[in-house]
């Protein structure tokens, strides 16, 4: 059973975004970076994201 096209498209978009973020930021701790990235992504989807301005 293959996943629907919208799932594949969403997954591809998600992986492209996180890959670009890792390449741009060059984190020393990639696993930690991914944990923060996906937590911020979840918070954004729930409307809880508050950007930090530096």
N, C-alpha and C. Protein backbone atom coordinates (compact mmCIF):
# COMPACT_ATOMS: atom_id res chain seq x y z
N UNK A 1 0.84 -1.18 0.00
CA UNK A 1 0.00 0.00 0.00
C UNK A 1 0.88 1.24 0.00
N UNK A 2 0.71 2.08 -0.98
CA UNK A 2 1.51 3.30 -1.09
C UNK A 2 0.80 4.47 -0.42
N UNK A 3 1.59 5.39 0.17
CA UNK A 3 0.97 6.57 0.79
C UNK A 3 0.38 7.49 -0.27
N UNK A 4 -0.61 8.28 0.11
CA UNK A 4 -1.19 9.24 -0.84
C UNK A 4 -0.15 10.26 -1.31
N UNK A 5 -0.38 10.80 -2.49
CA UNK A 5 0.56 11.78 -3.06
C UNK A 5 0.77 12.98 -2.16
N UNK A 6 -0.29 13.42 -1.47
CA UNK A 6 -0.14 14.61 -0.61
C UNK A 6 0.81 14.33 0.56
N UNK A 7 0.85 13.08 1.03
CA UNK A 7 1.77 12.73 2.11
C UNK A 7 3.20 12.77 1.59
N UNK A 8 3.41 12.20 0.41
CA UNK A 8 4.75 12.21 -0.17
C UNK A 8 5.22 13.63 -0.46
N UNK A 9 4.34 14.46 -0.97
CA UNK A 9 4.68 15.85 -1.26
C UNK A 9 5.01 16.61 0.02
N UNK A 10 4.20 16.42 1.06
CA UNK A 10 4.43 17.09 2.34
C UNK A 10 5.74 16.64 2.96
N UNK A 11 6.02 15.35 2.89
CA UNK A 11 7.26 14.82 3.45
C UNK A 11 8.47 15.37 2.70
N UNK A 12 8.37 15.43 1.39
CA UNK A 12 9.47 15.97 0.58
C UNK A 12 9.72 17.43 0.94
N UNK A 13 8.67 18.21 1.07
CA UNK A 13 8.80 19.63 1.42
C UNK A 13 9.43 19.78 2.80
N UNK A 14 8.99 18.96 3.76
CA UNK A 14 9.52 19.01 5.11
C UNK A 14 11.00 18.67 5.13
N UNK A 15 11.38 17.61 4.42
CA UNK A 15 12.78 17.19 4.39
C UNK A 15 13.67 18.21 3.67
N UNK A 16 13.15 18.83 2.63
CA UNK A 16 13.91 19.88 1.94
C UNK A 16 14.15 21.06 2.88
N UNK A 17 13.12 21.46 3.61
CA UNK A 17 13.25 22.59 4.53
C UNK A 17 14.25 22.33 5.64
N UNK A 18 14.16 21.17 6.26
CA UNK A 18 15.06 20.86 7.37
C UNK A 18 16.49 20.66 6.85
N UNK A 19 16.64 20.10 5.66
CA UNK A 19 17.97 19.93 5.08
C UNK A 19 18.62 21.28 4.80
N UNK A 20 17.86 22.21 4.26
CA UNK A 20 18.39 23.55 3.99
C UNK A 20 18.79 24.25 5.29
N UNK A 21 17.98 24.07 6.33
CA UNK A 21 18.28 24.70 7.62
C UNK A 21 19.58 24.14 8.20
N UNK A 22 19.78 22.83 8.11
CA UNK A 22 21.01 22.21 8.62
C UNK A 22 22.22 22.71 7.83
N UNK A 23 22.10 22.76 6.52
CA UNK A 23 23.21 23.23 5.68
C UNK A 23 23.53 24.69 5.98
N UNK A 24 22.50 25.51 6.16
CA UNK A 24 22.70 26.94 6.42
C UNK A 24 23.31 27.19 7.80
N UNK A 25 22.78 26.51 8.82
CA UNK A 25 23.20 26.76 10.20
C UNK A 25 24.48 26.01 10.59
N UNK A 26 24.74 24.88 9.95
CA UNK A 26 25.92 24.06 10.25
C UNK A 26 26.05 23.77 11.76
N UNK A 27 25.02 23.20 12.36
CA UNK A 27 25.07 22.96 13.81
C UNK A 27 26.08 21.87 14.17
N UNK A 28 26.72 22.01 15.32
CA UNK A 28 27.63 20.97 15.81
C UNK A 28 26.83 19.75 16.26
N UNK A 29 25.69 19.98 16.87
CA UNK A 29 24.83 18.90 17.37
C UNK A 29 23.60 18.81 16.46
N UNK A 30 23.71 18.00 15.42
CA UNK A 30 22.62 17.93 14.44
C UNK A 30 21.35 17.36 15.07
N UNK A 31 21.48 16.34 15.92
CA UNK A 31 20.29 15.76 16.55
C UNK A 31 19.58 16.80 17.42
N UNK A 32 20.33 17.56 18.19
CA UNK A 32 19.75 18.61 19.02
C UNK A 32 19.11 19.70 18.17
N UNK A 33 19.78 20.06 17.08
CA UNK A 33 19.24 21.05 16.16
C UNK A 33 17.91 20.58 15.59
N UNK A 34 17.86 19.31 15.16
CA UNK A 34 16.63 18.76 14.59
C UNK A 34 15.51 18.74 15.63
N UNK A 35 15.84 18.41 16.87
CA UNK A 35 14.83 18.41 17.93
C UNK A 35 14.23 19.80 18.09
N UNK A 36 15.08 20.82 18.13
CA UNK A 36 14.59 22.20 18.25
C UNK A 36 13.82 22.62 17.01
N UNK A 37 14.33 22.27 15.84
CA UNK A 37 13.68 22.63 14.58
C UNK A 37 12.26 22.08 14.53
N UNK A 38 12.13 20.79 14.83
CA UNK A 38 10.80 20.19 14.75
C UNK A 38 9.87 20.65 15.86
N UNK A 39 10.42 20.97 17.05
CA UNK A 39 9.56 21.51 18.11
C UNK A 39 9.03 22.88 17.70
N UNK A 40 9.89 23.71 17.11
CA UNK A 40 9.43 25.02 16.63
C UNK A 40 8.42 24.86 15.50
N UNK A 41 8.62 23.87 14.65
CA UNK A 41 7.68 23.59 13.57
C UNK A 41 6.31 23.21 14.13
N UNK A 42 6.30 22.35 15.14
CA UNK A 42 5.04 21.93 15.79
C UNK A 42 4.38 23.13 16.45
N UNK A 43 5.16 23.94 17.18
CA UNK A 43 4.61 25.12 17.83
C UNK A 43 4.02 26.09 16.81
N UNK A 44 4.70 26.25 15.68
CA UNK A 44 4.21 27.13 14.62
C UNK A 44 2.87 26.62 14.09
N UNK A 45 2.78 25.32 13.87
CA UNK A 45 1.53 24.74 13.36
C UNK A 45 0.39 24.93 14.36
N UNK A 46 0.70 24.88 15.64
CA UNK A 46 -0.32 25.04 16.68
C UNK A 46 -0.61 26.51 16.99
N UNK A 47 0.13 27.41 16.35
CA UNK A 47 -0.05 28.84 16.61
C UNK A 47 0.63 29.31 17.87
N UNK A 48 1.58 28.52 18.37
CA UNK A 48 2.26 28.86 19.62
C UNK A 48 3.64 29.46 19.39
N UNK A 49 4.07 29.52 18.14
CA UNK A 49 5.43 29.96 17.84
C UNK A 49 5.58 31.45 18.07
N UNK A 50 6.61 31.81 18.81
CA UNK A 50 6.96 33.21 19.03
C UNK A 50 8.40 33.37 18.58
N UNK A 51 8.63 34.08 17.46
CA UNK A 51 10.01 34.21 16.96
C UNK A 51 10.89 34.97 17.94
N UNK A 52 12.13 34.55 18.02
CA UNK A 52 13.12 35.22 18.87
C UNK A 52 13.94 36.12 17.96
N UNK A 53 13.91 37.41 18.26
CA UNK A 53 14.68 38.36 17.46
C UNK A 53 16.01 38.62 18.13
N UNK A 54 17.07 38.43 17.37
CA UNK A 54 18.42 38.62 17.92
C UNK A 54 19.06 39.80 17.23
